[in-house]
Amino acid sequence: MRYAVLGTGIVGRTIAAKLASLGHEVAVGTRDPKATLARTEPDGMGNPPFSVWHQDHPRVRLEAFADAGAFGDTVVNTTSGLASLDALGAVGAENLDGKVLIDIANPLDFSHGMPPTLDPANTDSLGERIQRAFPGARVVKTLNTMNTHVMVEPSRVAGEHNVFLSGDDEDAKKAVAALLIAFGWPQPSIIDLGDITSARGAEMMLPVWLRLMAALGHADFNFHIQGA
């Protein structure tokens, strides 16, 4: 299958590398491929520039957003949450119509310092805004409640823990669940929260996640829902 992964940060790189390792064709989407490859400084999180990563992953293509969207059978949004709608607008509705759009982004607002707040929250979510803006896309919110390395290697966290799904399209959620299983998630660990409005709850877990990371001093943890 062909995947378009939008965003060149650590989440996009991690997801793209995992998809490529599974034998999929992958294009990473960015606003300006030449500018992305020309950067020589580490990113804001201290990760090496994309060009260094790309040398180690030559099978992964780098394309402008619209070209990546046209290439992919499935689109994965890993862009910064507050920029996601603009990035998807650059992809173009025509390149999203009918496709599963996996939304991993969180609407974190750093404008008031740390810790970030959420915009939107409670009565809306980024997942819902994306679905409203691109009604032809089949949006599924998932993987946004954990560190990027845990997303593709759940065994980094000992014991049972969970990943969530939100979306209006049942077939799209089944397709995303199959991908999660390919990433190493056991079927019982996948919890379907319901329609896309349930993305509100998944996104609002991020303030708790950030506080836990600060308290624990690392990011190799996840949420486990223990039933009766």
C-alpha atoms as a PDB file:
ATOM      1  CA  MET A   1       0.000   0.000   0.000  1.00  0.00           C
ATOM      2  CA  ARG A   2       1.043   3.596  -0.543  1.00  0.00           C
ATOM      3  CA  TYR A   3       1.122   5.924   2.462  1.00  0.00           C
ATOM      4  CA  ALA A   4       1.499   9.692   2.597  1.00  0.00           C
ATOM      5  CA  VAL A   5       2.915  10.798   5.941  1.00  0.00           C
ATOM      6  CA  LEU A   6       2.457  14.523   6.451  1.00  0.00           C
ATOM      7  CA  GLY A   7       5.162  16.141   8.564  1.00  0.00           C
ATOM      8  CA  THR A   8       8.937  15.783   8.795  1.00  0.00           C
ATOM      9  CA  GLY A   9       9.310  15.858  12.586  1.00  0.00           C
ATOM     10  CA  ILE A  10      10.162  12.920  14.820  1.00  0.00           C
ATOM     11  CA  VAL A  11       6.616  11.485  14.703  1.00  0.00           C
ATOM     12  CA  GLY A  12       6.460  11.620  10.918  1.00  0.00           C
ATOM     13  CA  ARG A  13       9.919  10.094  10.600  1.00  0.00           C
ATOM     14  CA  THR A  14       9.117   7.294  13.038  1.00  0.00           C
ATOM     15  CA  ILE A  15       5.825   6.400  11.369  1.00  0.00           C
ATOM     16  CA  ALA A  16       7.345   6.610   7.876  1.00  0.00           C
ATOM     17  CA  ALA A  17      10.266   4.371   8.823  1.00  0.00           C
ATOM     18  CA  LYS A  18       7.928   1.789  10.368  1.00  0.00           C
ATOM     19  CA  LEU A  19       5.660   1.742   7.333  1.00  0.00           C
ATOM     20  CA  ALA A  20       8.629   1.341   5.016  1.00  0.00           C
ATOM     21  CA  SER A  21       9.998  -1.495   7.165  1.00  0.00           C
ATOM     22  CA  LEU A  22       6.661  -3.276   6.677  1.00  0.00           C
ATOM     23  CA  GLY A  23       7.110  -3.116   2.914  1.00  0.00           C
ATOM     24  CA  HIS A  24       4.813  -0.181   2.144  1.00  0.00           C
ATOM     25  CA  GLU A  25       5.623   2.602  -0.287  1.00  0.00           C
ATOM     26  CA  VAL A  26       5.931   5.846   1.665  1.00  0.00           C
ATOM     27  CA  ALA A  27       6.056   9.526   0.745  1.00  0.00           C
ATOM     28  CA  VAL A  28       6.678  12.129   3.433  1.00  0.00           C
ATOM     29  CA  GLY A  29       4.884  15.391   2.749  1.00  0.00           C
ATOM     30  CA  THR A  30       6.297  18.821   3.516  1.00  0.00           C
ATOM     31  CA  ARG A  31       5.558  22.372   2.422  1.00  0.00           C
ATOM     32  CA  ASP A  32       8.855  22.885   0.578  1.00  0.00           C
ATOM     33  CA  PRO A  33      10.980  19.773  -0.075  1.00  0.00           C
ATOM     34  CA  LYS A  34      14.044  21.766  -1.152  1.00  0.00           C
ATOM     35  CA  ALA A  35      13.957  23.886   1.989  1.00  0.00           C
ATOM     36  CA  THR A  36      13.435  20.787   4.143  1.00  0.00           C
ATOM     37  CA  LEU A  37      16.493  19.071   2.646  1.00  0.00           C
ATOM     38  CA  ALA A  38      18.577  22.247   2.885  1.00  0.00           C
ATOM     39  CA  ARG A  39      18.245  22.547   6.672  1.00  0.00           C
ATOM     40  CA  THR A  40      21.459  21.695   8.506  1.00  0.00           C
ATOM     41  CA  GLU A  41      20.504  22.498  12.090  1.00  0.00           C
ATOM     42  CA  PRO A  42      18.746  20.137  14.522  1.00  0.00           C
ATOM     43  CA  ASP A  43      15.005  20.670  14.889  1.00  0.00           C
ATOM     44  CA  GLY A  44      13.372  22.247  17.929  1.00  0.00           C
ATOM     45  CA  MET A  45      13.520  18.924  19.799  1.00  0.00           C
ATOM     46  CA  GLY A  46      17.220  18.426  19.086  1.00  0.00           C
ATOM     47  CA  ASN A  47      16.710  15.779  16.415  1.00  0.00           C
ATOM     48  CA  PRO A  48      19.106  15.761  13.440  1.00  0.00           C
ATOM     49  CA  PRO A  49      17.933  17.587  10.308  1.00  0.00           C
ATOM     50  CA  PHE A  50      15.618  15.658   8.031  1.00  0.00           C
ATOM     51  CA  SER A  51      18.333  15.253   5.395  1.00  0.00           C
ATOM     52  CA  VAL A  52      20.405  13.136   7.794  1.00  0.00           C
ATOM     53  CA  TRP A  53      17.445  10.871   8.545  1.00  0.00           C
ATOM     54  CA  HIS A  54      16.579  10.672   4.849  1.00  0.00           C
ATOM     55  CA  GLN A  55      20.030   9.350   3.980  1.00  0.00           C
ATOM     56  CA  ASP A  56      19.289   6.361   6.204  1.00  0.00           C
ATOM     57  CA  HIS A  57      15.838   5.853   4.644  1.00  0.00           C
ATOM     58  CA  PRO A  58      16.377   6.287   0.891  1.00  0.00           C
ATOM     59  CA  ARG A  59      13.230   4.304   0.007  1.00  0.00           C
ATOM     60  CA  VAL A  60      11.047   7.010   1.576  1.00  0.00           C
ATOM     61  CA  ARG A  61      10.156   9.779  -0.858  1.00  0.00           C
ATOM     62  CA  LEU A  62      10.008  13.461   0.088  1.00  0.00           C
ATOM     63  CA  GLU A  63       7.276  15.371  -1.711  1.00  0.00           C
ATOM     64  CA  ALA A  64       5.313  18.584  -1.475  1.00  0.00           C
ATOM     65  CA  PHE A  65       2.072  18.140   0.479  1.00  0.00           C
ATOM     66  CA  ALA A  66      -0.155  17.939  -2.610  1.00  0.00           C
ATOM     67  CA  ASP A  67       2.111  15.448  -4.372  1.00  0.00           C
ATOM     68  CA  ALA A  68       2.366  13.272  -1.274  1.00  0.00           C
ATOM     69  CA  GLY A  69      -1.418  13.332  -0.875  1.00  0.00           C
ATOM     70  CA  ALA A  70      -1.930  12.329  -4.482  1.00  0.00           C
ATOM     71  CA  PHE A  71       0.586   9.492  -4.044  1.00  0.00           C
ATOM     72  CA  GLY A  72      -0.869   7.973  -0.886  1.00  0.00           C
ATOM     73  CA  ASP A  73      -3.758   5.525  -0.684  1.00  0.00           C
ATOM     74  CA  THR A  74      -3.853   6.367   3.025  1.00  0.00           C
ATOM     75  CA  VAL A  75      -2.795   9.690   4.560  1.00  0.00           C
ATOM     76  CA  VAL A  76      -1.232  10.036   8.014  1.00  0.00           C
ATOM     77  CA  ASN A  77      -1.265  13.459   9.677  1.00  0.00           C
ATOM     78  CA  THR A  78       1.717  13.976  11.980  1.00  0.00           C
ATOM     79  CA  THR A  79       1.976  17.737  11.565  1.00  0.00           C
ATOM     80  CA  SER A  80       1.856  20.189  14.463  1.00  0.00           C
ATOM     81  CA  GLY A  81      -1.765  20.272  15.567  1.00  0.00           C
ATOM     82  CA  LEU A  82      -2.247  24.019  15.213  1.00  0.00           C
ATOM     83  CA  ALA A  83      -0.913  23.823  11.644  1.00  0.00           C
ATOM     84  CA  SER A  84      -2.712  20.638  10.605  1.00  0.00           C
ATOM     85  CA  LEU A  85      -5.669  22.247   8.834  1.00  0.00           C
ATOM     86  CA  ASP A  86      -3.350  24.448   6.776  1.00  0.00           C
ATOM     87  CA  ALA A  87      -1.166  21.459   5.887  1.00  0.00           C
ATOM     88  CA  LEU A  88      -4.180  19.394   4.863  1.00  0.00           C
ATOM     89  CA  GLY A  89      -5.469  22.336   2.873  1.00  0.00           C
ATOM     90  CA  ALA A  90      -2.161  22.297   0.985  1.00  0.00           C
ATOM     91  CA  VAL A  91      -2.678  18.581   0.322  1.00  0.00           C
ATOM     92  CA  GLY A  92      -6.039  19.434  -1.218  1.00  0.00           C
ATOM     93  CA  ALA A  93      -9.500  18.009  -0.628  1.00  0.00           C
ATOM     94  CA  GLU A  94      -9.341  16.226  -3.969  1.00  0.00           C
ATOM     95  CA  ASN A  95      -6.329  14.250  -2.734  1.00  0.00           C
ATOM     96  CA  LEU A  96      -8.122  13.283   0.492  1.00  0.00           C
ATOM     97  CA  ASP A  97     -11.568  12.347  -0.777  1.00  0.00           C
ATOM     98  CA  GLY A  98     -12.417   8.722  -0.094  1.00  0.00           C
ATOM     99  CA  LYS A  99      -9.137   8.027   1.665  1.00  0.00           C
ATOM    100  CA  VAL A 100      -8.504   6.955   5.242  1.00  0.00           C
ATOM    101  CA  LEU A 101      -6.886   9.890   7.040  1.00  0.00           C
ATOM    102  CA  ILE A 102      -5.107   8.787  10.207  1.00  0.00           C
ATOM    103  CA  ASP A 103      -4.839  11.776  12.530  1.00  0.00           C
ATOM    104  CA  ILE A 104      -2.062  11.468  15.119  1.00  0.00           C
ATOM    105  CA  ALA A 105      -1.683  15.197  15.806  1.00  0.00           C
ATOM    106  CA  ASN A 106      -2.578  17.019  19.012  1.00  0.00           C
ATOM    107  CA  PRO A 107      -3.737  20.663  19.119  1.00  0.00           C
ATOM    108  CA  LEU A 108      -1.059  21.779  21.577  1.00  0.00           C
ATOM    109  CA  ASP A 109      -0.799  25.554  22.011  1.00  0.00           C
ATOM    110  CA  PHE A 110       2.601  26.681  23.292  1.00  0.00           C
ATOM    111  CA  SER A 111       1.864  30.411  22.965  1.00  0.00           C
ATOM    112  CA  HIS A 112       1.490  30.829  26.734  1.00  0.00           C
ATOM    113  CA  GLY A 113       4.574  28.804  27.621  1.00  0.00           C
ATOM    114  CA  MET A 114       4.846  25.430  29.283  1.00  0.00           C
ATOM    115  CA  PRO A 115       2.950  23.282  29.805  1.00  0.00           C
ATOM    116  CA  PRO A 116       0.963  23.833  26.598  1.00  0.00           C
ATOM    117  CA  THR A 117      -2.801  24.141  26.535  1.00  0.00           C
ATOM    118  CA  LEU A 118      -5.222  22.583  24.049  1.00  0.00           C
ATOM    119  CA  ASP A 119      -7.007  24.512  21.329  1.00  0.00           C
ATOM    120  CA  PRO A 120      -9.678  23.278  20.805  1.00  0.00           C
ATOM    121  CA  ALA A 121     -10.755  21.309  23.860  1.00  0.00           C
ATOM    122  CA  ASN A 122     -13.834  19.944  25.610  1.00  0.00           C
ATOM    123  CA  THR A 123     -16.522  20.959  23.102  1.00  0.00           C
ATOM    124  CA  ASP A 124     -14.505  20.241  19.958  1.00  0.00           C
ATOM    125  CA  SER A 125     -11.328  18.468  18.830  1.00  0.00           C
ATOM    126  CA  LEU A 126      -8.754  18.629  16.092  1.00  0.00           C
ATOM    127  CA  GLY A 127     -10.051  15.313  14.782  1.00  0.00           C
ATOM    128  CA  GLU A 128     -13.548  16.768  14.412  1.00  0.00           C
ATOM    129  CA  ARG A 129     -12.261  19.944  12.790  1.00  0.00           C
ATOM    130  CA  ILE A 130     -10.378  17.901  10.220  1.00  0.00           C
ATOM    131  CA  GLN A 131     -13.454  15.786   9.485  1.00  0.00           C
ATOM    132  CA  ARG A 132     -15.627  18.894   9.069  1.00  0.00           C
ATOM    133  CA  ALA A 133     -13.071  20.628   6.853  1.00  0.00           C
ATOM    134  CA  PHE A 134     -12.597  17.558   4.654  1.00  0.00           C
ATOM    135  CA  PRO A 135     -15.936  15.684   4.693  1.00  0.00           C
ATOM    136  CA  GLY A 136     -14.799  13.346   1.922  1.00  0.00           C
ATOM    137  CA  ALA A 137     -11.940  12.026   4.045  1.00  0.00           C
ATOM    138  CA  ARG A 138     -12.440   9.093   6.416  1.00  0.00           C
ATOM    139  CA  VAL A 139     -10.775  10.459   9.545  1.00  0.00           C
ATOM    140  CA  VAL A 140      -9.576   8.127  12.294  1.00  0.00           C
ATOM    141  CA  LYS A 141      -7.928   9.553  15.409  1.00  0.00           C
ATOM    142  CA  THR A 142      -5.364   7.226  16.990  1.00  0.00           C
ATOM    143  CA  LEU A 143      -1.865   6.932  18.507  1.00  0.00           C
ATOM    144  CA  ASN A 144      -1.951  10.507  19.856  1.00  0.00           C
ATOM    145  CA  THR A 145      -1.869   9.466  23.531  1.00  0.00           C
ATOM    146  CA  MET A 146       1.720   8.153  23.709  1.00  0.00           C
ATOM    147  CA  ASN A 147       5.344   8.770  22.819  1.00  0.00           C
ATOM    148  CA  THR A 148       6.203   8.304  19.150  1.00  0.00           C
ATOM    149  CA  HIS A 149       8.492   5.317  19.758  1.00  0.00           C
ATOM    150  CA  VAL A 150       5.776   3.500  21.695  1.00  0.00           C
ATOM    151  CA  MET A 151       3.413   4.042  18.741  1.00  0.00           C
ATOM    152  CA  VAL A 152       5.424   1.681  16.542  1.00  0.00           C
ATOM    153  CA  GLU A 153       7.011  -0.471  19.262  1.00  0.00           C
ATOM    154  CA  PRO A 154       4.438  -1.056  22.006  1.00  0.00           C
ATOM    155  CA  SER A 155       6.715  -3.640  23.654  1.00  0.00           C
ATOM    156  CA  ARG A 156       8.813  -0.712  24.947  1.00  0.00           C
ATOM    157  CA  VAL A 157       6.197  -0.519  27.720  1.00  0.00           C
ATOM    158  CA  ALA A 158       5.976  -3.653  29.852  1.00  0.00           C
ATOM    159  CA  GLY A 159       2.647  -5.372  30.368  1.00  0.00           C
ATOM    160  CA  GLU A 160      -0.737  -4.558  28.919  1.00  0.00           C
ATOM    161  CA  HIS A 161      -1.560  -1.050  27.724  1.00  0.00           C
ATOM    162  CA  ASN A 162      -3.966   0.507  25.263  1.00  0.00           C
ATOM    163  CA  VAL A 163      -4.338   2.461  22.056  1.00  0.00           C
ATOM    164  CA  PHE A 164      -7.574   4.222  21.119  1.00  0.00           C
ATOM    165  CA  LEU A 165      -9.578   4.732  17.936  1.00  0.00           C
ATOM    166  CA  SER A 166     -12.125   7.457  17.125  1.00  0.00           C
ATOM    167  CA  GLY A 167     -13.943   7.894  13.833  1.00  0.00           C
ATOM    168  CA  ASP A 168     -17.259   7.890  12.023  1.00  0.00           C
ATOM    169  CA  ASP A 169     -16.358   5.302   9.364  1.00  0.00           C
ATOM    170  CA  GLU A 170     -16.384   1.737  10.698  1.00  0.00           C
ATOM    171  CA  ASP A 171     -14.470   0.297   7.748  1.00  0.00           C
ATOM    172  CA  ALA A 172     -11.808   2.967   8.121  1.00  0.00           C
ATOM    173  CA  LYS A 173     -11.407   2.092  11.796  1.00  0.00           C
ATOM    174  CA  LYS A 174     -11.069  -1.588  10.908  1.00  0.00           C
ATOM    175  CA  ALA A 175      -8.330  -0.738   8.397  1.00  0.00           C
ATOM    176  CA  VAL A 176      -6.485   1.365  10.975  1.00  0.00           C
ATOM    177  CA  ALA A 177      -6.847  -1.363  13.602  1.00  0.00           C
ATOM    178  CA  ALA A 178      -5.228  -3.806  11.160  1.00  0.00           C
ATOM    179  CA  LEU A 179      -2.328  -1.390  10.737  1.00  0.00           C
ATOM    180  CA  LEU A 180      -1.962  -1.056  14.509  1.00  0.00           C
ATOM    181  CA  ILE A 181      -1.766  -4.845  14.772  1.00  0.00           C
ATOM    182  CA  ALA A 182       0.983  -4.776  12.124  1.00  0.00           C
ATOM    183  CA  PHE A 183       2.783  -2.228  14.327  1.00  0.00           C
ATOM    184  CA  GLY A 184       2.721  -4.785  17.151  1.00  0.00           C
ATOM    185  CA  TRP A 185      -0.432  -3.861  19.044  1.00  0.00           C
ATOM    186  CA  PRO A 186      -2.435  -6.897  20.238  1.00  0.00           C
ATOM    187  CA  GLN A 187      -6.069  -6.800  19.150  1.00  0.00           C
ATOM    188  CA  PRO A 188      -7.372  -6.698  22.766  1.00  0.00           C
ATOM    189  CA  SER A 189      -5.274  -3.577  23.404  1.00  0.00           C
ATOM    190  CA  ILE A 190      -7.192  -1.573  20.784  1.00  0.00           C
ATOM    191  CA  ILE A 191     -10.188   0.300  22.217  1.00  0.00           C
ATOM    192  CA  ASP A 192     -12.733   1.841  19.852  1.00  0.00           C
ATOM    193  CA  LEU A 193     -14.023   4.944  21.657  1.00  0.00           C
ATOM    194  CA  GLY A 194     -16.771   5.614  19.121  1.00  0.00           C
ATOM    195  CA  ASP A 195     -17.416   8.345  16.592  1.00  0.00           C
ATOM    196  CA  ILE A 196     -15.103  11.256  15.826  1.00  0.00           C
ATOM    197  CA  THR A 197     -16.479  13.321  18.718  1.00  0.00           C
ATOM    198  CA  SER A 198     -14.728  10.875  21.051  1.00  0.00           C
ATOM    199  CA  ALA A 199     -11.434  12.339  19.814  1.00  0.00           C
ATOM    200  CA  ARG A 200     -12.102  15.113  22.360  1.00  0.00           C
ATOM    201  CA  GLY A 201     -11.360  12.722  25.197  1.00  0.00           C
ATOM    202  CA  ALA A 202      -8.295  11.237  23.535  1.00  0.00           C
ATOM    203  CA  GLU A 203      -6.830  14.674  22.871  1.00  0.00           C
ATOM    204  CA  MET A 204      -7.596  15.842  26.414  1.00  0.00           C
ATOM    205  CA  MET A 205      -5.429  13.020  27.756  1.00  0.00           C
ATOM    206  CA  LEU A 206      -2.378  14.952  26.566  1.00  0.00           C
ATOM    207  CA  PRO A 207      -2.180  17.385  29.512  1.00  0.00           C
ATOM    208  CA  VAL A 208      -2.144  14.363  31.842  1.00  0.00           C
ATOM    209  CA  TRP A 209       0.450  12.620  29.644  1.00  0.00           C
ATOM    210  CA  LEU A 210       2.727  15.669  29.759  1.00  0.00           C
ATOM    211  CA  ARG A 211       2.508  15.870  33.550  1.00  0.00           C
ATOM    212  CA  LEU A 212       3.257  12.161  33.819  1.00  0.00           C
ATOM    213  CA  MET A 213       6.317  12.518  31.606  1.00  0.00           C
ATOM    214  CA  ALA A 214       7.602  15.302  33.840  1.00  0.00           C
ATOM    215  CA  ALA A 215       6.924  13.280  36.983  1.00  0.00           C
ATOM    216  CA  LEU A 216       8.447  10.046  35.663  1.00  0.00           C
ATOM    217  CA  GLY A 217      11.368  11.644  33.871  1.00  0.00           C
ATOM    218  CA  HIS A 218      10.902   9.596  30.691  1.00  0.00           C
ATOM    219  CA  ALA A 219       8.322   8.868  27.976  1.00  0.00           C
ATOM    220  CA  ASP A 220       8.291   5.057  27.900  1.00  0.00           C
ATOM    221  CA  PHE A 221       4.888   4.691  29.533  1.00  0.00           C
ATOM    222  CA  ASN A 222       1.284   4.448  28.399  1.00  0.00           C
ATOM    223  CA  PHE A 223      -2.287   4.245  29.628  1.00  0.00           C
ATOM    224  CA  HIS A 224      -3.772   0.882  30.598  1.00  0.00           C
ATOM    225  CA  ILE A 225      -7.531   0.563  31.062  1.00  0.00           C
ATOM    226  CA  GLN A 226      -8.249  -2.147  33.610  1.00  0.00           C
ATOM    227  CA  GLY A 227     -11.738  -3.603  33.480  1.00  0.00           C
ATOM    228  CA  ALA A 228     -13.654  -5.508  36.115  1.00  0.00           C
END
